[in-house]
Amino acid sequence: MGIFIVFLLIVVAAVYFLQRKRSGTGGKEAKRKELRQLLNLPSQSADQTIDRYINNLKERHPGHDEEWYLDKIIYDLEKDRR
């Protein structure tokens, strides 16, 4: 019985961490959606603009993940609107 409980806890923990990892991609999509709204462009044009901006940032700040670049773009756009 004790082994079953330990096994069950391990399975629950694994499922929990896998769900959290998957939700990270949802974070990227949520940030892209926020950027589309900030850019106020048609969806395709906004995506092209975001991709260009990411490529530009990758040249100036290499080694970060895509979510960092999206955060940087959001920060820069909001800073410029003040």
C-alpha atoms as a PDB file:
ATOM      1  CA  MET A   1       0.000   0.000   0.000  1.00  0.00           C
ATOM      2  CA  GLY A   2       2.837   2.400   0.870  1.00  0.00           C
ATOM      3  CA  ILE A   3       4.579   1.793  -2.449  1.00  0.00           C
ATOM      4  CA  PHE A   4       1.335   2.511  -4.297  1.00  0.00           C
ATOM      5  CA  ILE A   5       0.986   5.901  -2.555  1.00  0.00           C
ATOM      6  CA  VAL A   6       4.595   6.835  -3.360  1.00  0.00           C
ATOM      7  CA  PHE A   7       4.073   5.798  -6.984  1.00  0.00           C
ATOM      8  CA  LEU A   8       0.841   7.802  -7.157  1.00  0.00           C
ATOM      9  CA  LEU A   9       2.576  10.905  -5.756  1.00  0.00           C
ATOM     10  CA  ILE A  10       5.354  10.593  -8.339  1.00  0.00           C
ATOM     11  CA  VAL A  11       2.829  10.304 -11.170  1.00  0.00           C
ATOM     12  CA  VAL A  12       0.847  13.315  -9.913  1.00  0.00           C
ATOM     13  CA  ALA A  13       4.042  15.385  -9.597  1.00  0.00           C
ATOM     14  CA  ALA A  14       5.147  14.411 -13.108  1.00  0.00           C
ATOM     15  CA  VAL A  15       1.777  15.352 -14.606  1.00  0.00           C
ATOM     16  CA  TYR A  16       1.821  18.671 -12.731  1.00  0.00           C
ATOM     17  CA  PHE A  17       5.287  19.618 -14.014  1.00  0.00           C
ATOM     18  CA  LEU A  18       4.476  18.543 -17.573  1.00  0.00           C
ATOM     19  CA  GLN A  19       1.375  20.760 -17.546  1.00  0.00           C
ATOM     20  CA  ARG A  20       3.408  23.709 -16.284  1.00  0.00           C
ATOM     21  CA  LYS A  21       5.999  23.165 -19.015  1.00  0.00           C
ATOM     22  CA  ARG A  22       3.310  23.030 -21.709  1.00  0.00           C
ATOM     23  CA  SER A  23       1.690  26.210 -20.427  1.00  0.00           C
ATOM     24  CA  GLY A  24       4.962  27.986 -21.239  1.00  0.00           C
ATOM     25  CA  THR A  25       4.124  27.828 -24.942  1.00  0.00           C
ATOM     26  CA  GLY A  26       0.739  29.299 -24.117  1.00  0.00           C
ATOM     27  CA  GLY A  27       2.618  32.177 -22.529  1.00  0.00           C
ATOM     28  CA  LYS A  28       4.389  32.843 -25.806  1.00  0.00           C
ATOM     29  CA  GLU A  29       1.119  32.859 -27.699  1.00  0.00           C
ATOM     30  CA  ALA A  30      -0.447  35.174 -25.135  1.00  0.00           C
ATOM     31  CA  LYS A  31       2.487  37.571 -25.524  1.00  0.00           C
ATOM     32  CA  ARG A  32       2.248  37.433 -29.317  1.00  0.00           C
ATOM     33  CA  LYS A  33      -1.454  38.226 -29.033  1.00  0.00           C
ATOM     34  CA  GLU A  34      -0.693  41.170 -26.750  1.00  0.00           C
ATOM     35  CA  LEU A  35       1.897  42.416 -29.241  1.00  0.00           C
ATOM     36  CA  ARG A  36      -0.583  42.164 -32.114  1.00  0.00           C
ATOM     37  CA  GLN A  37      -2.936  44.376 -30.139  1.00  0.00           C
ATOM     38  CA  LEU A  38      -0.179  46.848 -29.269  1.00  0.00           C
ATOM     39  CA  LEU A  39       0.932  47.072 -32.893  1.00  0.00           C
ATOM     40  CA  ASN A  40      -2.631  47.634 -34.090  1.00  0.00           C
ATOM     41  CA  LEU A  41      -1.883  45.999 -37.454  1.00  0.00           C
ATOM     42  CA  PRO A  42      -3.573  43.207 -39.381  1.00  0.00           C
ATOM     43  CA  SER A  43      -2.599  39.834 -37.935  1.00  0.00           C
ATOM     44  CA  GLN A  44      -0.255  38.797 -40.759  1.00  0.00           C
ATOM     45  CA  SER A  45       1.523  42.163 -40.822  1.00  0.00           C
ATOM     46  CA  ALA A  46       1.849  42.144 -37.040  1.00  0.00           C
ATOM     47  CA  ASP A  47       3.382  38.652 -37.092  1.00  0.00           C
ATOM     48  CA  GLN A  48       5.897  39.717 -39.746  1.00  0.00           C
ATOM     49  CA  THR A  49       6.786  42.797 -37.705  1.00  0.00           C
ATOM     50  CA  ILE A  50       7.187  40.738 -34.529  1.00  0.00           C
ATOM     51  CA  ASP A  51       9.420  38.219 -36.326  1.00  0.00           C
ATOM     52  CA  ARG A  52      11.603  41.018 -37.750  1.00  0.00           C
ATOM     53  CA  TYR A  53      11.893  42.594 -34.327  1.00  0.00           C
ATOM     54  CA  ILE A  54      12.855  39.237 -32.762  1.00  0.00           C
ATOM     55  CA  ASN A  55      15.545  38.648 -35.409  1.00  0.00           C
ATOM     56  CA  ASN A  56      16.916  42.140 -34.794  1.00  0.00           C
ATOM     57  CA  LEU A  57      17.007  41.557 -31.044  1.00  0.00           C
ATOM     58  CA  LYS A  58      18.680  38.161 -31.525  1.00  0.00           C
ATOM     59  CA  GLU A  59      21.560  39.923 -33.290  1.00  0.00           C
ATOM     60  CA  ARG A  60      21.931  42.517 -30.516  1.00  0.00           C
ATOM     61  CA  HIS A  61      21.161  40.207 -27.554  1.00  0.00           C
ATOM     62  CA  PRO A  62      22.004  36.596 -28.502  1.00  0.00           C
ATOM     63  CA  GLY A  63      21.340  33.606 -26.291  1.00  0.00           C
ATOM     64  CA  HIS A  64      17.883  34.359 -24.897  1.00  0.00           C
ATOM     65  CA  ASP A  65      14.717  32.334 -25.371  1.00  0.00           C
ATOM     66  CA  GLU A  66      11.814  33.589 -27.492  1.00  0.00           C
ATOM     67  CA  GLU A  67       9.763  34.569 -24.471  1.00  0.00           C
ATOM     68  CA  TRP A  68      12.516  36.966 -23.360  1.00  0.00           C
ATOM     69  CA  TYR A  69      12.507  38.619 -26.789  1.00  0.00           C
ATOM     70  CA  LEU A  70       8.711  38.962 -26.691  1.00  0.00           C
ATOM     71  CA  ASP A  71       8.913  40.537 -23.219  1.00  0.00           C
ATOM     72  CA  LYS A  72      11.570  42.957 -24.501  1.00  0.00           C
ATOM     73  CA  ILE A  73       9.408  43.979 -27.451  1.00  0.00           C
ATOM     74  CA  ILE A  74       6.407  44.573 -25.187  1.00  0.00           C
ATOM     75  CA  TYR A  75       8.572  46.595 -22.808  1.00  0.00           C
ATOM     76  CA  ASP A  76      10.022  48.703 -25.630  1.00  0.00           C
ATOM     77  CA  LEU A  77       6.628  49.395 -27.209  1.00  0.00           C
ATOM     78  CA  GLU A  78       5.043  50.362 -23.906  1.00  0.00           C
ATOM     79  CA  LYS A  79       8.045  52.533 -23.027  1.00  0.00           C
ATOM     80  CA  ASP A  80       7.810  54.350 -26.365  1.00  0.00           C
ATOM     81  CA  ARG A  81       4.108  55.073 -25.833  1.00  0.00           C
ATOM     82  CA  ARG A  82       4.679  56.952 -22.568  1.00  0.00           C
END
